[in-house]
Amino acid sequence: MKKTYKIDVDCANCAAKMEDAAKNTKGVKDCTVNFMALKMKVDFEEGVDESAVMQEVLANCKKVEDDCEIFL
């Protein structure tokens, strides 16, 4: 299942770091971040709890870019 989330990030490089961090989160099949639109599209693996996975995604993104935000 794919879902789109609004994000807040300062630069394109930071957005790329967020995308990589999300892709490396367990339960995420794929992720794309559009810096210009300030959106993150997440494709979840089958049968996962999306809200729990997104909490992990946010935690992983904060590790690489501490002032980023994902509006869940």
N, C-alpha and C. Protein backbone atom coordinates (compact mmCIF):
# COMPACT_ATOMS: atom_id res chain seq x y z
N MET A 1 0.84 -1.18 0.00
CA MET A 1 0.00 0.00 0.00
C MET A 1 0.88 1.24 0.00
N LYS A 2 0.49 2.23 -0.79
CA LYS A 2 1.24 3.49 -0.86
C LYS A 2 0.47 4.60 -0.16
N LYS A 3 1.20 5.43 0.56
CA LYS A 3 0.62 6.60 1.21
C LYS A 3 1.55 7.79 0.99
N THR A 4 0.95 8.98 0.98
CA THR A 4 1.71 10.22 0.81
C THR A 4 1.61 11.04 2.09
N TYR A 5 2.75 11.58 2.51
CA TYR A 5 2.83 12.39 3.72
C TYR A 5 3.44 13.74 3.40
N LYS A 6 2.96 14.77 4.06
CA LYS A 6 3.54 16.11 3.95
C LYS A 6 4.78 16.14 4.85
N ILE A 7 5.84 16.76 4.34
CA ILE A 7 7.08 16.86 5.10
C ILE A 7 7.53 18.31 5.19
N ASP A 8 8.43 18.56 6.11
CA ASP A 8 9.08 19.87 6.24
C ASP A 8 10.57 19.60 6.30
N VAL A 9 11.28 20.08 5.27
CA VAL A 9 12.72 19.88 5.18
C VAL A 9 13.32 21.11 4.50
N ASP A 10 14.56 21.46 4.85
CA ASP A 10 15.17 22.72 4.42
C ASP A 10 15.84 22.71 3.05
N CYS A 11 16.38 21.57 2.63
CA CYS A 11 17.12 21.57 1.37
C CYS A 11 16.97 20.24 0.65
N ALA A 12 17.33 20.23 -0.63
CA ALA A 12 17.21 19.02 -1.44
C ALA A 12 18.14 17.91 -0.95
N ASN A 13 19.32 18.28 -0.47
CA ASN A 13 20.25 17.28 0.05
C ASN A 13 19.67 16.59 1.28
N CYS A 14 19.03 17.36 2.14
CA CYS A 14 18.40 16.80 3.33
C CYS A 14 17.24 15.88 2.94
N ALA A 15 16.50 16.28 1.91
CA ALA A 15 15.40 15.45 1.43
C ALA A 15 15.92 14.11 0.92
N ALA A 16 17.06 14.13 0.24
CA ALA A 16 17.66 12.88 -0.24
C ALA A 16 18.09 11.99 0.92
N LYS A 17 18.62 12.60 1.97
CA LYS A 17 18.99 11.83 3.17
C LYS A 17 17.76 11.20 3.81
N MET A 18 16.66 11.95 3.85
CA MET A 18 15.40 11.42 4.40
C MET A 18 14.91 10.23 3.57
N GLU A 19 15.01 10.36 2.26
CA GLU A 19 14.56 9.28 1.38
C GLU A 19 15.36 8.01 1.63
N ASP A 20 16.68 8.15 1.73
CA ASP A 20 17.54 6.99 2.00
C ASP A 20 17.23 6.36 3.35
N ALA A 21 17.03 7.20 4.37
CA ALA A 21 16.71 6.70 5.70
C ALA A 21 15.39 5.95 5.70
N ALA A 22 14.40 6.47 4.99
CA ALA A 22 13.09 5.80 4.92
C ALA A 22 13.20 4.47 4.19
N LYS A 23 13.94 4.45 3.08
CA LYS A 23 14.10 3.22 2.30
C LYS A 23 14.76 2.12 3.12
N ASN A 24 15.60 2.49 4.08
CA ASN A 24 16.31 1.51 4.90
C ASN A 24 15.56 1.14 6.17
N THR A 25 14.30 1.54 6.27
CA THR A 25 13.48 1.21 7.43
C THR A 25 12.72 -0.08 7.17
N LYS A 26 12.73 -0.97 8.16
CA LYS A 26 12.02 -2.23 8.04
C LYS A 26 10.52 -1.96 7.86
N GLY A 27 9.93 -2.61 6.87
CA GLY A 27 8.51 -2.43 6.58
C GLY A 27 8.24 -1.51 5.41
N VAL A 28 9.30 -0.82 4.93
CA VAL A 28 9.17 0.08 3.78
C VAL A 28 9.71 -0.64 2.55
N LYS A 29 8.86 -0.79 1.54
CA LYS A 29 9.27 -1.41 0.27
C LYS A 29 10.02 -0.40 -0.58
N ASP A 30 9.48 0.83 -0.65
CA ASP A 30 10.12 1.88 -1.44
C ASP A 30 9.65 3.24 -0.92
N CYS A 31 10.42 4.27 -1.21
CA CYS A 31 10.08 5.62 -0.78
C CYS A 31 10.66 6.62 -1.76
N THR A 32 9.88 7.67 -2.03
CA THR A 32 10.39 8.79 -2.82
C THR A 32 10.02 10.08 -2.11
N VAL A 33 10.97 11.00 -2.09
CA VAL A 33 10.74 12.31 -1.48
C VAL A 33 10.83 13.36 -2.58
N ASN A 34 9.81 14.19 -2.66
CA ASN A 34 9.79 15.29 -3.62
C ASN A 34 10.01 16.58 -2.83
N PHE A 35 11.24 17.12 -2.94
CA PHE A 35 11.58 18.32 -2.18
C PHE A 35 10.74 19.52 -2.59
N MET A 36 10.51 19.69 -3.89
CA MET A 36 9.75 20.85 -4.36
C MET A 36 8.31 20.84 -3.87
N ALA A 37 7.70 19.67 -3.82
CA ALA A 37 6.31 19.55 -3.37
C ALA A 37 6.22 19.33 -1.86
N LEU A 38 7.37 19.08 -1.21
CA LEU A 38 7.43 18.76 0.23
C LEU A 38 6.52 17.58 0.57
N LYS A 39 6.70 16.50 -0.21
CA LYS A 39 5.91 15.29 0.01
C LYS A 39 6.80 14.06 0.00
N MET A 40 6.39 13.08 0.80
CA MET A 40 7.06 11.79 0.87
C MET A 40 6.04 10.72 0.52
N LYS A 41 6.35 9.91 -0.49
CA LYS A 41 5.48 8.80 -0.86
C LYS A 41 6.14 7.52 -0.38
N VAL A 42 5.40 6.77 0.44
CA VAL A 42 5.94 5.56 1.03
C VAL A 42 5.12 4.36 0.55
N ASP A 43 5.83 3.35 0.05
CA ASP A 43 5.21 2.09 -0.36
C ASP A 43 5.56 1.07 0.73
N PHE A 44 4.54 0.61 1.44
CA PHE A 44 4.75 -0.29 2.57
C PHE A 44 4.77 -1.75 2.12
N GLU A 45 5.51 -2.58 2.87
CA GLU A 45 5.47 -4.02 2.64
C GLU A 45 4.11 -4.55 3.08
N GLU A 46 3.73 -5.67 2.54
CA GLU A 46 2.43 -6.28 2.81
C GLU A 46 2.30 -6.66 4.29
N GLY A 47 1.17 -6.30 4.91
CA GLY A 47 0.84 -6.75 6.25
C GLY A 47 1.50 -6.02 7.40
N VAL A 48 2.14 -4.87 7.15
CA VAL A 48 2.78 -4.15 8.25
C VAL A 48 1.82 -3.11 8.85
N ASP A 49 2.10 -2.72 10.07
CA ASP A 49 1.34 -1.65 10.74
C ASP A 49 1.94 -0.33 10.27
N GLU A 50 1.23 0.35 9.38
CA GLU A 50 1.77 1.56 8.74
C GLU A 50 2.13 2.64 9.75
N SER A 51 1.32 2.84 10.77
CA SER A 51 1.62 3.90 11.73
C SER A 51 2.89 3.59 12.52
N ALA A 52 3.09 2.33 12.87
CA ALA A 52 4.31 1.94 13.59
C ALA A 52 5.54 2.10 12.69
N VAL A 53 5.40 1.71 11.43
CA VAL A 53 6.51 1.86 10.48
C VAL A 53 6.85 3.33 10.31
N MET A 54 5.84 4.18 10.21
CA MET A 54 6.10 5.61 10.01
C MET A 54 6.75 6.24 11.24
N GLN A 55 6.47 5.75 12.42
CA GLN A 55 7.17 6.23 13.61
C GLN A 55 8.66 5.90 13.51
N GLU A 56 8.97 4.69 13.00
CA GLU A 56 10.36 4.29 12.78
C GLU A 56 11.01 5.14 11.69
N VAL A 57 10.25 5.40 10.60
CA VAL A 57 10.76 6.24 9.51
C VAL A 57 11.12 7.62 10.06
N LEU A 58 10.22 8.21 10.85
CA LEU A 58 10.48 9.53 11.42
C LEU A 58 11.73 9.49 12.30
N ALA A 59 11.85 8.47 13.14
CA ALA A 59 13.03 8.36 14.01
C ALA A 59 14.30 8.24 13.19
N ASN A 60 14.27 7.44 12.12
CA ASN A 60 15.45 7.27 11.27
C ASN A 60 15.79 8.55 10.52
N CYS A 61 14.77 9.27 10.07
CA CYS A 61 15.01 10.54 9.38
C CYS A 61 15.60 11.57 10.33
N LYS A 62 15.15 11.59 11.58
CA LYS A 62 15.67 12.54 12.56
C LYS A 62 17.15 12.26 12.87
N LYS A 63 17.58 11.00 12.69
CA LYS A 63 18.99 10.66 12.93
C LYS A 63 19.90 11.32 11.89
N VAL A 64 19.40 11.45 10.64
CA VAL A 64 20.23 12.02 9.57
C VAL A 64 19.97 13.52 9.37
N GLU A 65 18.78 13.97 9.74
CA GLU A 65 18.42 15.39 9.59
C GLU A 65 17.49 15.76 10.73
N ASP A 66 18.09 16.25 11.84
CA ASP A 66 17.32 16.41 13.08
C ASP A 66 16.23 17.45 13.05
N ASP A 67 16.24 18.38 12.09
CA ASP A 67 15.18 19.39 12.07
C ASP A 67 14.10 19.10 11.01
N CYS A 68 14.10 17.89 10.46
CA CYS A 68 13.06 17.53 9.50
C CYS A 68 11.78 17.15 10.24
N GLU A 69 10.68 17.14 9.51
CA GLU A 69 9.39 16.76 10.10
C GLU A 69 8.57 16.02 9.07
N ILE A 70 7.86 14.99 9.55
CA ILE A 70 6.90 14.26 8.72
C ILE A 70 5.57 14.39 9.43
N PHE A 71 4.58 14.90 8.73
CA PHE A 71 3.26 15.11 9.34
C PHE A 71 2.43 13.85 9.16
N LEU A 72 2.32 13.07 10.24
CA LEU A 72 1.67 11.77 10.18
C LEU A 72 0.18 11.89 10.32
